[in-house]
């Protein structure tokens, strides 16, 4: 037997088997992605209106922002908004805890991570995701307002996602409220001093966000946004919530 012919043949066969296995894994991954979207739609289609609260998993219960997030979530829940968080510890737990004590559902969109993430006990509805992007789409699709507490890379990613989708009109215009004026000041100053002068964003893009620290005023800002939208509809004036609702409602935005 000529080994010089057999070995390349075996290598070719192994390459074909690896290619087949890779295609099978890719196909299976697509099924898991579809399953996550379907499950989220089934569980959350009736959970409206809803407010998402983003923030760090690393802030402890003794943190002022933990307490503030819990208070905001309770007020929002009592006002009739379901509260959606990432389902984990830190600010996510605070949000679910406050909402669970209120009148509306407390929802957790959990993600499987090698560290940090473990589900909290305050979730009335708990969904688990393997993929970050399906989780983020679920957040955006089901949020009628977004409240952003202090956080790290994950929180900044979620904030940038929402800002980009609204800026490019790929999703509905919803109120975005940043809580923690001292925390956000440096980032917002950089937006104004670096991004706006270079034309990387428009000056009016800064109006997509509000900075509010008082829990009552946070709720008032959300309610006012939609009250203004209703008034605009009654008077025939344009309002971003109404305009974007007509064009984007009931679709998966950028998918």
C-alpha atoms as a PDB file:
ATOM      1  CA  UNK A   1       0.000   0.000   0.000  1.00  0.00           C
ATOM      2  CA  UNK A   2       1.347   3.422  -0.978  1.00  0.00           C
ATOM      3  CA  UNK A   3       1.170   5.622   2.142  1.00  0.00           C
ATOM      4  CA  UNK A   4       1.783   8.699   0.031  1.00  0.00           C
ATOM      5  CA  UNK A   5      -1.648   8.192  -1.557  1.00  0.00           C
ATOM      6  CA  UNK A   6      -3.549   6.933   1.490  1.00  0.00           C
ATOM      7  CA  UNK A   7      -2.665   9.783   3.896  1.00  0.00           C
ATOM      8  CA  UNK A   8      -3.829  12.645   1.610  1.00  0.00           C
ATOM      9  CA  UNK A   9      -7.016  10.687   0.960  1.00  0.00           C
ATOM     10  CA  UNK A  10      -7.664  10.308   4.680  1.00  0.00           C
ATOM     11  CA  UNK A  11      -6.938  13.987   5.210  1.00  0.00           C
ATOM     12  CA  UNK A  12      -9.429  14.893   2.507  1.00  0.00           C
ATOM     13  CA  UNK A  13     -12.060  12.676   4.108  1.00  0.00           C
ATOM     14  CA  UNK A  14     -11.406  14.279   7.509  1.00  0.00           C
ATOM     15  CA  UNK A  15     -11.727  17.750   5.977  1.00  0.00           C
ATOM     16  CA  UNK A  16     -15.079  16.805   4.452  1.00  0.00           C
ATOM     17  CA  UNK A  17     -16.322  15.445   7.773  1.00  0.00           C
ATOM     18  CA  UNK A  18     -15.242  18.627   9.583  1.00  0.00           C
ATOM     19  CA  UNK A  19     -16.984  20.772   6.962  1.00  0.00           C
ATOM     20  CA  UNK A  20     -20.174  18.725   7.329  1.00  0.00           C
ATOM     21  CA  UNK A  21     -20.033  18.987  11.128  1.00  0.00           C
ATOM     22  CA  UNK A  22     -19.446  22.759  10.890  1.00  0.00           C
ATOM     23  CA  UNK A  23     -22.497  23.172   8.644  1.00  0.00           C
ATOM     24  CA  UNK A  24     -24.567  21.071  11.038  1.00  0.00           C
ATOM     25  CA  UNK A  25     -23.502  23.221  14.009  1.00  0.00           C
ATOM     26  CA  UNK A  26     -24.297  26.413  12.088  1.00  0.00           C
ATOM     27  CA  UNK A  27     -27.720  25.078  11.133  1.00  0.00           C
ATOM     28  CA  UNK A  28     -28.455  24.039  14.695  1.00  0.00           C
ATOM     29  CA  UNK A  29     -27.380  27.471  15.939  1.00  0.00           C
ATOM     30  CA  UNK A  30     -29.897  29.087  13.603  1.00  0.00           C
ATOM     31  CA  UNK A  31     -32.622  26.888  15.101  1.00  0.00           C
ATOM     32  CA  UNK A  32     -31.657  27.928  18.637  1.00  0.00           C
ATOM     33  CA  UNK A  33     -31.751  31.591  17.589  1.00  0.00           C
ATOM     34  CA  UNK A  34     -35.214  31.157  16.081  1.00  0.00           C
ATOM     35  CA  UNK A  35     -36.360  29.331  19.200  1.00  0.00           C
ATOM     36  CA  UNK A  36     -35.228  32.224  21.403  1.00  0.00           C
ATOM     37  CA  UNK A  37     -37.169  34.729  19.312  1.00  0.00           C
ATOM     38  CA  UNK A  38     -40.286  32.539  19.292  1.00  0.00           C
ATOM     39  CA  UNK A  39     -40.209  31.930  23.043  1.00  0.00           C
ATOM     40  CA  UNK A  40     -39.668  35.617  23.792  1.00  0.00           C
ATOM     41  CA  UNK A  41     -42.546  36.620  21.519  1.00  0.00           C
ATOM     42  CA  UNK A  42     -44.897  34.074  23.106  1.00  0.00           C
ATOM     43  CA  UNK A  43     -44.124  35.156  26.656  1.00  0.00           C
ATOM     44  CA  UNK A  44     -43.878  38.917  26.153  1.00  0.00           C
ATOM     45  CA  UNK A  45     -46.440  39.735  23.458  1.00  0.00           C
ATOM     46  CA  UNK A  46     -49.024  40.654  26.107  1.00  0.00           C
ATOM     47  CA  UNK A  47     -46.585  42.312  28.515  1.00  0.00           C
ATOM     48  CA  UNK A  48     -47.101  45.941  27.495  1.00  0.00           C
ATOM     49  CA  UNK A  49     -46.491  48.711  28.198  1.00  0.00           C
ATOM     50  CA  UNK A  50     -43.036  47.947  29.516  1.00  0.00           C
ATOM     51  CA  UNK A  51     -39.925  49.791  30.653  1.00  0.00           C
ATOM     52  CA  UNK A  52     -36.440  48.302  30.448  1.00  0.00           C
ATOM     53  CA  UNK A  53     -33.884  49.121  33.119  1.00  0.00           C
ATOM     54  CA  UNK A  54     -30.201  48.622  32.264  1.00  0.00           C
ATOM     55  CA  UNK A  55     -27.280  48.745  34.668  1.00  0.00           C
ATOM     56  CA  UNK A  56     -24.287  47.003  36.161  1.00  0.00           C
ATOM     57  CA  UNK A  57     -24.369  43.462  37.517  1.00  0.00           C
ATOM     58  CA  UNK A  58     -21.565  44.410  39.926  1.00  0.00           C
ATOM     59  CA  UNK A  59     -23.264  47.043  42.083  1.00  0.00           C
ATOM     60  CA  UNK A  60     -24.147  45.706  45.532  1.00  0.00           C
ATOM     61  CA  UNK A  61     -27.391  46.200  47.499  1.00  0.00           C
ATOM     62  CA  UNK A  62     -25.698  48.821  49.668  1.00  0.00           C
ATOM     63  CA  UNK A  63     -24.982  50.971  46.606  1.00  0.00           C
ATOM     64  CA  UNK A  64     -27.027  54.151  46.286  1.00  0.00           C
ATOM     65  CA  UNK A  65     -27.743  53.240  42.679  1.00  0.00           C
ATOM     66  CA  UNK A  66     -29.098  49.825  43.691  1.00  0.00           C
ATOM     67  CA  UNK A  67     -31.578  51.500  46.017  1.00  0.00           C
ATOM     68  CA  UNK A  68     -32.418  54.136  43.417  1.00  0.00           C
ATOM     69  CA  UNK A  69     -33.063  51.502  40.722  1.00  0.00           C
ATOM     70  CA  UNK A  70     -35.358  49.577  43.050  1.00  0.00           C
ATOM     71  CA  UNK A  71     -37.332  52.708  43.903  1.00  0.00           C
ATOM     72  CA  UNK A  72     -37.687  53.706  40.246  1.00  0.00           C
ATOM     73  CA  UNK A  73     -38.793  50.196  39.290  1.00  0.00           C
ATOM     74  CA  UNK A  74     -41.439  50.164  42.025  1.00  0.00           C
ATOM     75  CA  UNK A  75     -42.870  53.506  40.914  1.00  0.00           C
ATOM     76  CA  UNK A  76     -42.864  52.471  37.260  1.00  0.00           C
ATOM     77  CA  UNK A  77     -44.529  49.151  38.122  1.00  0.00           C
ATOM     78  CA  UNK A  78     -47.222  50.794  40.235  1.00  0.00           C
ATOM     79  CA  UNK A  79     -47.923  53.155  37.326  1.00  0.00           C
ATOM     80  CA  UNK A  80     -48.804  50.181  35.117  1.00  0.00           C
ATOM     81  CA  UNK A  81     -45.534  49.425  33.306  1.00  0.00           C
ATOM     82  CA  UNK A  82     -43.994  45.978  33.321  1.00  0.00           C
ATOM     83  CA  UNK A  83     -40.307  46.197  34.179  1.00  0.00           C
ATOM     84  CA  UNK A  84     -37.743  44.301  32.092  1.00  0.00           C
ATOM     85  CA  UNK A  85     -34.198  43.732  33.294  1.00  0.00           C
ATOM     86  CA  UNK A  86     -31.341  41.411  32.413  1.00  0.00           C
ATOM     87  CA  UNK A  87     -32.446  39.092  35.205  1.00  0.00           C
ATOM     88  CA  UNK A  88     -29.080  38.974  36.972  1.00  0.00           C
ATOM     89  CA  UNK A  89     -27.596  40.569  40.099  1.00  0.00           C
ATOM     90  CA  UNK A  90     -26.766  44.194  40.772  1.00  0.00           C
ATOM     91  CA  UNK A  91     -28.974  46.797  39.113  1.00  0.00           C
ATOM     92  CA  UNK A  92     -30.890  44.024  37.370  1.00  0.00           C
ATOM     93  CA  UNK A  93     -31.848  42.493  40.710  1.00  0.00           C
ATOM     94  CA  UNK A  94     -32.785  45.917  42.064  1.00  0.00           C
ATOM     95  CA  UNK A  95     -35.072  46.516  39.087  1.00  0.00           C
ATOM     96  CA  UNK A  96     -36.774  43.144  39.415  1.00  0.00           C
ATOM     97  CA  UNK A  97     -37.068  43.507  43.174  1.00  0.00           C
ATOM     98  CA  UNK A  98     -38.774  46.878  42.901  1.00  0.00           C
ATOM     99  CA  UNK A  99     -41.075  45.707  40.130  1.00  0.00           C
ATOM    100  CA  UNK A 100     -41.954  42.481  41.963  1.00  0.00           C
ATOM    101  CA  UNK A 101     -43.179  44.570  44.900  1.00  0.00           C
ATOM    102  CA  UNK A 102     -45.314  46.670  42.545  1.00  0.00           C
ATOM    103  CA  UNK A 103     -48.465  46.039  40.565  1.00  0.00           C
ATOM    104  CA  UNK A 104     -47.033  45.019  37.190  1.00  0.00           C
ATOM    105  CA  UNK A 105     -44.958  42.046  35.984  1.00  0.00           C
ATOM    106  CA  UNK A 106     -41.263  41.771  36.751  1.00  0.00           C
ATOM    107  CA  UNK A 107     -39.443  40.316  33.731  1.00  0.00           C
ATOM    108  CA  UNK A 108     -35.900  38.988  33.475  1.00  0.00           C
ATOM    109  CA  UNK A 109     -34.062  38.338  30.209  1.00  0.00           C
ATOM    110  CA  UNK A 110     -31.247  36.160  31.512  1.00  0.00           C
ATOM    111  CA  UNK A 111     -28.067  35.435  29.570  1.00  0.00           C
ATOM    112  CA  UNK A 112     -25.706  32.474  29.971  1.00  0.00           C
ATOM    113  CA  UNK A 113     -22.263  33.849  30.908  1.00  0.00           C
ATOM    114  CA  UNK A 114     -19.120  32.241  32.344  1.00  0.00           C
ATOM    115  CA  UNK A 115     -19.185  34.669  35.275  1.00  0.00           C
ATOM    116  CA  UNK A 116     -21.298  37.378  36.928  1.00  0.00           C
ATOM    117  CA  UNK A 117     -24.688  36.317  35.641  1.00  0.00           C
ATOM    118  CA  UNK A 118     -26.990  34.333  37.902  1.00  0.00           C
ATOM    119  CA  UNK A 119     -30.736  34.731  37.924  1.00  0.00           C
ATOM    120  CA  UNK A 120     -32.298  36.724  40.738  1.00  0.00           C
ATOM    121  CA  UNK A 121     -35.359  35.582  42.658  1.00  0.00           C
ATOM    122  CA  UNK A 122     -37.607  38.546  41.833  1.00  0.00           C
ATOM    123  CA  UNK A 123     -38.708  37.535  38.326  1.00  0.00           C
ATOM    124  CA  UNK A 124     -42.361  36.839  37.558  1.00  0.00           C
ATOM    125  CA  UNK A 125     -41.366  35.958  34.000  1.00  0.00           C
ATOM    126  CA  UNK A 126     -37.882  34.566  33.421  1.00  0.00           C
ATOM    127  CA  UNK A 127     -36.444  33.904  29.969  1.00  0.00           C
ATOM    128  CA  UNK A 128     -32.974  32.523  29.271  1.00  0.00           C
ATOM    129  CA  UNK A 129     -30.876  33.442  26.233  1.00  0.00           C
ATOM    130  CA  UNK A 130     -27.669  31.989  24.814  1.00  0.00           C
ATOM    131  CA  UNK A 131     -27.159  34.789  22.288  1.00  0.00           C
ATOM    132  CA  UNK A 132     -26.606  38.433  23.185  1.00  0.00           C
ATOM    133  CA  UNK A 133     -28.132  39.810  19.996  1.00  0.00           C
ATOM    134  CA  UNK A 134     -31.438  37.960  20.358  1.00  0.00           C
ATOM    135  CA  UNK A 135     -31.621  39.216  23.931  1.00  0.00           C
ATOM    136  CA  UNK A 136     -30.927  42.806  22.850  1.00  0.00           C
ATOM    137  CA  UNK A 137     -33.553  42.640  20.104  1.00  0.00           C
ATOM    138  CA  UNK A 138     -36.042  41.361  22.684  1.00  0.00           C
ATOM    139  CA  UNK A 139     -35.235  44.290  24.972  1.00  0.00           C
ATOM    140  CA  UNK A 140     -35.691  46.871  22.217  1.00  0.00           C
ATOM    141  CA  UNK A 141     -38.782  45.321  20.683  1.00  0.00           C
ATOM    142  CA  UNK A 142     -40.638  45.219  23.999  1.00  0.00           C
ATOM    143  CA  UNK A 143     -39.517  48.502  25.575  1.00  0.00           C
ATOM    144  CA  UNK A 144     -41.713  51.589  25.627  1.00  0.00           C
ATOM    145  CA  UNK A 145     -39.022  53.429  27.587  1.00  0.00           C
ATOM    146  CA  UNK A 146     -35.414  52.755  28.575  1.00  0.00           C
ATOM    147  CA  UNK A 147     -33.887  53.712  31.913  1.00  0.00           C
ATOM    148  CA  UNK A 148     -30.108  53.417  32.091  1.00  0.00           C
ATOM    149  CA  UNK A 149     -28.339  53.223  35.432  1.00  0.00           C
ATOM    150  CA  UNK A 150     -24.543  53.276  35.865  1.00  0.00           C
ATOM    151  CA  UNK A 151     -22.809  50.267  34.363  1.00  0.00           C
ATOM    152  CA  UNK A 152     -19.832  48.923  32.467  1.00  0.00           C
ATOM    153  CA  UNK A 153     -19.241  47.722  28.928  1.00  0.00           C
ATOM    154  CA  UNK A 154     -22.507  45.764  28.771  1.00  0.00           C
ATOM    155  CA  UNK A 155     -24.597  48.731  29.855  1.00  0.00           C
ATOM    156  CA  UNK A 156     -22.798  51.048  27.434  1.00  0.00           C
ATOM    157  CA  UNK A 157     -23.369  48.514  24.652  1.00  0.00           C
ATOM    158  CA  UNK A 158     -27.091  48.403  25.402  1.00  0.00           C
ATOM    159  CA  UNK A 159     -27.315  52.200  25.516  1.00  0.00           C
ATOM    160  CA  UNK A 160     -25.437  52.557  22.221  1.00  0.00           C
ATOM    161  CA  UNK A 161     -27.682  49.934  20.631  1.00  0.00           C
ATOM    162  CA  UNK A 162     -30.869  51.806  21.530  1.00  0.00           C
ATOM    163  CA  UNK A 163     -29.443  55.193  20.518  1.00  0.00           C
ATOM    164  CA  UNK A 164     -28.278  53.849  17.151  1.00  0.00           C
ATOM    165  CA  UNK A 165     -31.587  52.185  16.343  1.00  0.00           C
ATOM    166  CA  UNK A 166     -33.595  55.301  17.194  1.00  0.00           C
ATOM    167  CA  UNK A 167     -31.130  57.648  15.470  1.00  0.00           C
ATOM    168  CA  UNK A 168     -31.292  55.594  12.253  1.00  0.00           C
ATOM    169  CA  UNK A 169     -35.070  55.141  12.584  1.00  0.00           C
ATOM    170  CA  UNK A 170     -34.758  51.377  12.664  1.00  0.00           C
ATOM    171  CA  UNK A 171     -36.879  51.207  15.817  1.00  0.00           C
ATOM    172  CA  UNK A 172     -39.577  53.192  17.532  1.00  0.00           C
ATOM    173  CA  UNK A 173     -38.643  56.431  19.257  1.00  0.00           C
ATOM    174  CA  UNK A 174     -38.919  55.827  23.000  1.00  0.00           C
ATOM    175  CA  UNK A 175     -37.715  57.949  25.923  1.00  0.00           C
ATOM    176  CA  UNK A 176     -34.157  57.190  27.086  1.00  0.00           C
ATOM    177  CA  UNK A 177     -33.448  58.320  30.629  1.00  0.00           C
ATOM    178  CA  UNK A 178     -29.962  58.244  32.142  1.00  0.00           C
ATOM    179  CA  UNK A 179     -29.949  58.048  35.937  1.00  0.00           C
ATOM    180  CA  UNK A 180     -26.833  59.280  37.726  1.00  0.00           C
ATOM    181  CA  UNK A 181     -25.893  62.785  36.580  1.00  0.00           C
ATOM    182  CA  UNK A 182     -22.384  62.604  38.045  1.00  0.00           C
ATOM    183  CA  UNK A 183     -21.726  59.218  36.458  1.00  0.00           C
ATOM    184  CA  UNK A 184     -22.879  60.181  32.955  1.00  0.00           C
ATOM    185  CA  UNK A 185     -21.458  63.723  32.862  1.00  0.00           C
ATOM    186  CA  UNK A 186     -18.059  62.788  31.429  1.00  0.00           C
ATOM    187  CA  UNK A 187     -19.517  60.688  28.622  1.00  0.00           C
ATOM    188  CA  UNK A 188     -22.093  63.310  27.654  1.00  0.00           C
ATOM    189  CA  UNK A 189     -19.505  66.086  27.756  1.00  0.00           C
ATOM    190  CA  UNK A 190     -17.339  64.010  25.409  1.00  0.00           C
ATOM    191  CA  UNK A 191     -20.282  63.541  23.043  1.00  0.00           C
ATOM    192  CA  UNK A 192     -20.762  67.318  22.938  1.00  0.00           C
ATOM    193  CA  UNK A 193     -17.092  68.270  22.706  1.00  0.00           C
ATOM    194  CA  UNK A 194     -15.855  65.547  20.347  1.00  0.00           C
ATOM    195  CA  UNK A 195     -18.663  63.880  18.394  1.00  0.00           C
ATOM    196  CA  UNK A 196     -20.850  66.912  17.656  1.00  0.00           C
ATOM    197  CA  UNK A 197     -18.057  69.284  16.429  1.00  0.00           C
ATOM    198  CA  UNK A 198     -16.696  66.592  14.101  1.00  0.00           C
ATOM    199  CA  UNK A 199     -20.147  65.978  12.666  1.00  0.00           C
ATOM    200  CA  UNK A 200     -20.133  62.368  13.869  1.00  0.00           C
ATOM    201  CA  UNK A 201     -23.550  62.918  15.419  1.00  0.00           C
ATOM    202  CA  UNK A 202     -26.036  65.755  14.957  1.00  0.00           C
ATOM    203  CA  UNK A 203     -26.578  68.241  17.816  1.00  0.00           C
ATOM    204  CA  UNK A 204     -30.214  67.143  18.048  1.00  0.00           C
ATOM    205  CA  UNK A 205     -29.103  63.550  18.657  1.00  0.00           C
ATOM    206  CA  UNK A 206     -28.236  64.634  22.184  1.00  0.00           C
ATOM    207  CA  UNK A 207     -31.952  65.244  22.722  1.00  0.00           C
ATOM    208  CA  UNK A 208     -32.570  61.495  22.463  1.00  0.00           C
ATOM    209  CA  UNK A 209     -31.414  61.253  26.108  1.00  0.00           C
ATOM    210  CA  UNK A 210     -32.506  62.903  29.332  1.00  0.00           C
ATOM    211  CA  UNK A 211     -30.559  62.899  32.593  1.00  0.00           C
ATOM    212  CA  UNK A 212     -32.872  62.574  35.595  1.00  0.00           C
ATOM    213  CA  UNK A 213     -32.019  61.413  39.106  1.00  0.00           C
ATOM    214  CA  UNK A 214     -35.310  61.864  40.940  1.00  0.00           C
ATOM    215  CA  UNK A 215     -37.521  58.718  40.753  1.00  0.00           C
ATOM    216  CA  UNK A 216     -40.770  60.684  40.524  1.00  0.00           C
ATOM    217  CA  UNK A 217     -39.388  62.811  37.720  1.00  0.00           C
ATOM    218  CA  UNK A 218     -38.202  59.697  35.865  1.00  0.00           C
ATOM    219  CA  UNK A 219     -41.768  58.381  35.827  1.00  0.00           C
ATOM    220  CA  UNK A 220     -43.140  61.810  34.916  1.00  0.00           C
ATOM    221  CA  UNK A 221     -40.768  62.016  31.933  1.00  0.00           C
ATOM    222  CA  UNK A 222     -41.977  58.676  30.580  1.00  0.00           C
ATOM    223  CA  UNK A 223     -45.626  59.598  31.018  1.00  0.00           C
ATOM    224  CA  UNK A 224     -45.127  63.062  29.517  1.00  0.00           C
ATOM    225  CA  UNK A 225     -43.492  61.607  26.411  1.00  0.00           C
ATOM    226  CA  UNK A 226     -46.624  59.607  25.613  1.00  0.00           C
ATOM    227  CA  UNK A 227     -49.034  62.305  26.762  1.00  0.00           C
ATOM    228  CA  UNK A 228     -47.332  64.653  24.294  1.00  0.00           C
ATOM    229  CA  UNK A 229     -47.662  61.975  21.628  1.00  0.00           C
ATOM    230  CA  UNK A 230     -51.408  61.669  22.292  1.00  0.00           C
ATOM    231  CA  UNK A 231     -51.803  65.449  22.188  1.00  0.00           C
ATOM    232  CA  UNK A 232     -49.903  65.614  18.908  1.00  0.00           C
ATOM    233  CA  UNK A 233     -52.146  62.953  17.407  1.00  0.00           C
ATOM    234  CA  UNK A 234     -55.280  64.810  18.510  1.00  0.00           C
ATOM    235  CA  UNK A 235     -54.041  68.088  17.013  1.00  0.00           C
ATOM    236  CA  UNK A 236     -52.541  66.572  13.870  1.00  0.00           C
ATOM    237  CA  UNK A 237     -48.985  67.515  14.821  1.00  0.00           C
ATOM    238  CA  UNK A 238     -45.972  65.287  14.360  1.00  0.00           C
ATOM    239  CA  UNK A 239     -44.446  63.464  17.291  1.00  0.00           C
ATOM    240  CA  UNK A 240     -41.613  60.929  16.983  1.00  0.00           C
ATOM    241  CA  UNK A 241     -43.461  58.250  18.947  1.00  0.00           C
ATOM    242  CA  UNK A 242     -46.426  58.394  16.569  1.00  0.00           C
ATOM    243  CA  UNK A 243     -44.354  58.686  13.415  1.00  0.00           C
ATOM    244  CA  UNK A 244     -42.159  55.732  14.265  1.00  0.00           C
ATOM    245  CA  UNK A 245     -45.055  53.671  15.534  1.00  0.00           C
ATOM    246  CA  UNK A 246     -46.767  53.907  12.158  1.00  0.00           C
ATOM    247  CA  UNK A 247     -43.683  52.762  10.270  1.00  0.00           C
ATOM    248  CA  UNK A 248     -42.090  50.240  12.626  1.00  0.00           C
ATOM    249  CA  UNK A 249     -44.728  48.701  14.863  1.00  0.00           C
ATOM    250  CA  UNK A 250     -44.960  44.902  15.003  1.00  0.00           C
ATOM    251  CA  UNK A 251     -41.757  44.126  13.138  1.00  0.00           C
ATOM    252  CA  UNK A 252     -38.349  42.975  14.277  1.00  0.00           C
ATOM    253  CA  UNK A 253     -36.745  46.307  13.381  1.00  0.00           C
ATOM    254  CA  UNK A 254     -33.327  45.601  11.921  1.00  0.00           C
ATOM    255  CA  UNK A 255     -33.613  41.829  11.384  1.00  0.00           C
END
